[in-house]
Amino acid sequence: MSGESASAIPKGQVDLLDFVDWSGVECLNQRGSHSLPNALKQGYREDEGLHLESDADEQLLIYIPFTQVIKLHSIVINGPEEEGPRTVKLFANREHMGFSNVNDFPPSDIAVFSEDNLKGKPVIVKYVKFQNVRSLTIFIEDNQSGSEITKVQKIVLCGTTVETTDMKGLKKIEDH
């Protein structure tokens, strides 16, 4: 179903992939042969043979910084019925998190993924908590079946960029 990816982005929102700061992207507990770019990068995430896979246990901790401030509207995480993510905690602007301290901070939002979500139905986030996002941390706490391996086929972040006010433009109006 290749048509799903285009329809998964809600009206008025864009795929925020172009605003990802790739030099700072991290994923903890990923299997070397099945790493984050397989699920996040354009082209890779559309390849059904590629996916992100957890290594030591079912948890994944993904850090995604942005090149500019964004507003996050929704998130799409595709995965298989058994090994796809179930409980996903989202943290806005929370840097340097690890498995040892991820539960020390309240998440900006928590989503429990259904079978429909794993097939591409977007999860709408608490929009008010994601208005000025410089980075997003995604903590995949467990998967659908409770197995040791979590698989993610695709991650799409939907939202908009934050418009910045041009103070010089406002000053020019005052001068006249």
Protein backbone atom coordinates (compact mmCIF):
# COMPACT_ATOMS: atom_id res chain seq x y z
CA MET A 1 0.00 0.00 0.00
CA SER A 2 2.32 2.72 -1.20
CA GLY A 3 -0.48 5.30 -1.26
CA GLU A 4 -0.70 5.31 2.54
CA SER A 5 2.43 7.39 3.09
CA ALA A 6 1.06 10.47 1.33
CA SER A 7 -2.34 10.24 3.02
CA ALA A 8 -0.74 9.69 6.46
CA ILE A 9 0.31 13.35 6.64
CA PRO A 10 -2.64 15.35 7.99
CA LYS A 11 -3.94 18.29 5.97
CA GLY A 12 -2.03 21.51 6.64
CA GLN A 13 1.01 19.64 8.00
CA VAL A 14 4.29 18.66 6.35
CA ASP A 15 6.75 15.81 6.75
CA LEU A 16 9.39 17.37 9.03
CA LEU A 17 12.18 15.18 7.60
CA ASP A 18 13.76 18.14 5.78
CA PHE A 19 14.29 19.88 9.14
CA VAL A 20 16.11 17.01 10.91
CA ASP A 21 19.68 17.84 11.99
CA TRP A 22 21.23 14.54 10.92
CA SER A 23 24.56 15.27 12.63
CA GLY A 24 22.90 15.01 16.04
CA VAL A 25 20.47 12.11 15.52
CA GLU A 26 21.01 9.21 17.94
CA CYS A 27 19.36 5.90 18.69
CA LEU A 28 20.23 3.84 21.76
CA ASN A 29 19.86 0.04 21.72
CA GLN A 30 19.64 -0.27 17.92
CA ARG A 31 20.96 -3.37 16.19
CA GLY A 32 23.92 -2.40 13.98
CA SER A 33 22.51 -4.10 10.88
CA HIS A 34 19.04 -2.57 11.42
CA SER A 35 19.70 1.06 12.42
CA LEU A 36 17.60 4.23 12.69
CA PRO A 37 18.21 5.58 9.15
CA ASN A 38 16.30 2.53 7.83
CA ALA A 39 13.11 3.86 9.47
CA LEU A 40 13.69 7.62 9.34
CA LYS A 41 15.51 8.56 6.12
CA GLN A 42 13.61 9.23 2.88
CA GLY A 43 13.88 6.29 0.48
CA TYR A 44 15.08 3.88 3.17
CA ARG A 45 11.83 4.09 5.16
CA GLU A 46 9.83 3.29 2.01
CA ASP A 47 11.82 0.08 1.44
CA GLU A 48 9.83 -2.75 3.02
CA GLY A 49 13.01 -4.82 3.38
CA LEU A 50 14.60 -2.28 5.76
CA HIS A 51 13.69 -1.53 9.37
CA LEU A 52 14.99 -0.36 12.73
CA GLU A 53 15.39 -3.15 15.27
CA SER A 54 16.16 -3.15 18.98
CA ASP A 55 19.20 -5.06 20.19
CA ALA A 56 19.51 -6.06 23.88
CA ASP A 57 15.80 -5.79 24.75
CA GLU A 58 12.57 -4.30 23.36
CA GLN A 59 13.32 -0.65 24.24
CA LEU A 60 14.57 2.04 21.85
CA LEU A 61 15.54 5.61 22.72
CA ILE A 62 15.64 7.94 19.71
CA TYR A 63 16.90 11.54 19.80
CA ILE A 64 16.04 13.81 16.84
CA PRO A 65 17.27 17.43 16.83
CA PHE A 66 15.93 19.91 14.27
CA THR A 67 17.69 22.59 12.23
CA GLN A 68 14.95 25.06 13.17
CA VAL A 69 12.12 25.29 15.67
CA ILE A 70 9.09 23.18 14.73
CA LYS A 71 5.53 22.55 15.90
CA LEU A 72 4.82 18.83 16.10
CA HIS A 73 1.25 17.85 15.20
CA SER A 74 1.40 14.07 14.92
CA ILE A 75 3.68 11.09 14.55
CA VAL A 76 3.43 7.97 12.39
CA ILE A 77 5.35 4.87 13.41
CA ASN A 78 4.79 1.82 11.23
CA GLY A 79 5.73 -1.62 12.51
CA PRO A 80 4.76 -5.28 12.34
CA GLU A 81 1.69 -6.48 14.24
CA GLU A 82 3.65 -8.49 16.86
CA GLU A 83 6.95 -6.61 17.18
CA GLY A 84 5.76 -3.06 16.48
CA PRO A 85 5.91 -0.41 19.22
CA ARG A 86 3.12 -0.29 21.82
CA THR A 87 3.92 2.33 24.49
CA VAL A 88 5.70 5.39 23.06
CA LYS A 89 6.71 8.34 25.24
CA LEU A 90 7.56 11.65 23.59
CA PHE A 91 9.76 14.32 25.14
CA ALA A 92 10.08 17.82 23.67
CA ASN A 93 13.42 19.64 24.09
CA ARG A 94 14.89 17.05 26.46
CA GLU A 95 18.55 16.38 25.64
CA HIS A 96 21.03 13.75 26.85
CA MET A 97 18.50 11.19 27.99
CA GLY A 98 19.54 7.61 28.56
CA PHE A 99 17.81 4.45 29.71
CA SER A 100 19.05 5.18 33.24
CA ASN A 101 17.19 8.52 33.50
CA VAL A 102 14.33 8.36 30.98
CA ASN A 103 11.81 7.64 33.75
CA ASP A 104 13.08 10.60 35.83
CA PHE A 105 11.30 13.09 33.57
CA PRO A 106 7.60 13.42 32.79
CA PRO A 107 6.97 12.85 29.07
CA SER A 108 5.35 15.62 27.03
CA ASP A 109 2.94 12.96 25.75
CA ILE A 110 2.38 9.20 25.89
CA ALA A 111 0.80 7.18 23.08
CA VAL A 112 -0.32 3.57 23.11
CA PHE A 113 -0.12 2.36 19.53
CA SER A 114 -2.93 0.26 18.07
CA GLU A 115 -2.83 -2.03 15.07
CA ASP A 116 -4.23 0.86 12.97
CA ASN A 117 -1.41 3.13 14.15
CA LEU A 118 1.20 0.53 13.16
CA LYS A 119 -0.33 0.46 9.68
CA GLY A 120 0.03 4.23 9.23
CA LYS A 121 -2.76 5.97 11.16
CA PRO A 122 -1.16 9.11 12.71
CA VAL A 123 -1.11 9.61 16.47
CA ILE A 124 -2.08 13.22 17.19
CA VAL A 125 0.10 14.64 19.98
CA LYS A 126 -0.90 17.12 22.69
CA TYR A 127 -0.28 20.02 20.33
CA VAL A 128 0.08 22.62 23.10
CA LYS A 129 3.11 20.71 24.48
CA PHE A 130 4.90 20.67 21.10
CA GLN A 131 4.78 24.34 19.99
CA ASN A 132 8.48 25.29 20.17
CA VAL A 133 10.36 22.06 19.58
CA ARG A 134 14.11 22.11 18.97
CA SER A 135 14.51 18.38 19.56
CA LEU A 136 12.31 15.34 20.05
CA THR A 137 13.15 12.25 22.09
CA ILE A 138 11.09 9.16 21.32
CA PHE A 139 11.18 6.42 23.96
CA ILE A 140 9.70 3.14 22.73
CA GLU A 141 9.06 1.43 26.05
CA ASP A 142 7.63 -1.87 24.85
CA ASN A 143 6.08 -3.66 21.88
CA GLN A 144 2.76 -5.28 21.06
CA SER A 145 3.61 -8.85 22.09
CA GLY A 146 6.08 -8.28 24.93
CA SER A 147 8.87 -9.94 22.94
CA GLU A 148 12.56 -9.02 23.26
CA ILE A 149 12.78 -7.36 19.82
CA THR A 150 10.96 -4.25 18.65
CA LYS A 151 10.85 -3.46 14.92
CA VAL A 152 10.06 -0.07 13.39
CA GLN A 153 9.56 0.12 9.62
CA LYS A 154 8.90 3.84 9.28
CA ILE A 155 8.85 7.04 11.35
CA VAL A 156 7.17 10.17 9.99
CA LEU A 157 6.98 13.38 12.02
CA CYS A 158 4.20 15.72 10.89
CA GLY A 159 3.96 19.39 11.74
CA THR A 160 5.04 22.83 10.65
CA THR A 161 7.98 25.15 11.16
CA VAL A 162 7.63 28.06 13.57
CA GLU A 163 7.48 31.43 11.85
CA THR A 164 9.92 33.89 13.37
CA THR A 165 9.09 37.58 13.68
CA ASP A 166 11.38 39.93 11.81
CA MET A 167 12.20 42.64 14.36
CA LYS A 168 13.93 44.76 11.69
CA GLY A 169 10.72 44.81 9.69
CA LEU A 170 8.77 46.03 12.71
CA LYS A 171 11.35 48.72 13.43
CA LYS A 172 11.07 50.09 9.89
CA ILE A 173 7.35 50.63 10.37
CA GLU A 174 8.00 52.59 13.59
CA ASP A 175 10.52 54.89 11.83
CA HIS A 176 7.95 56.25 9.38
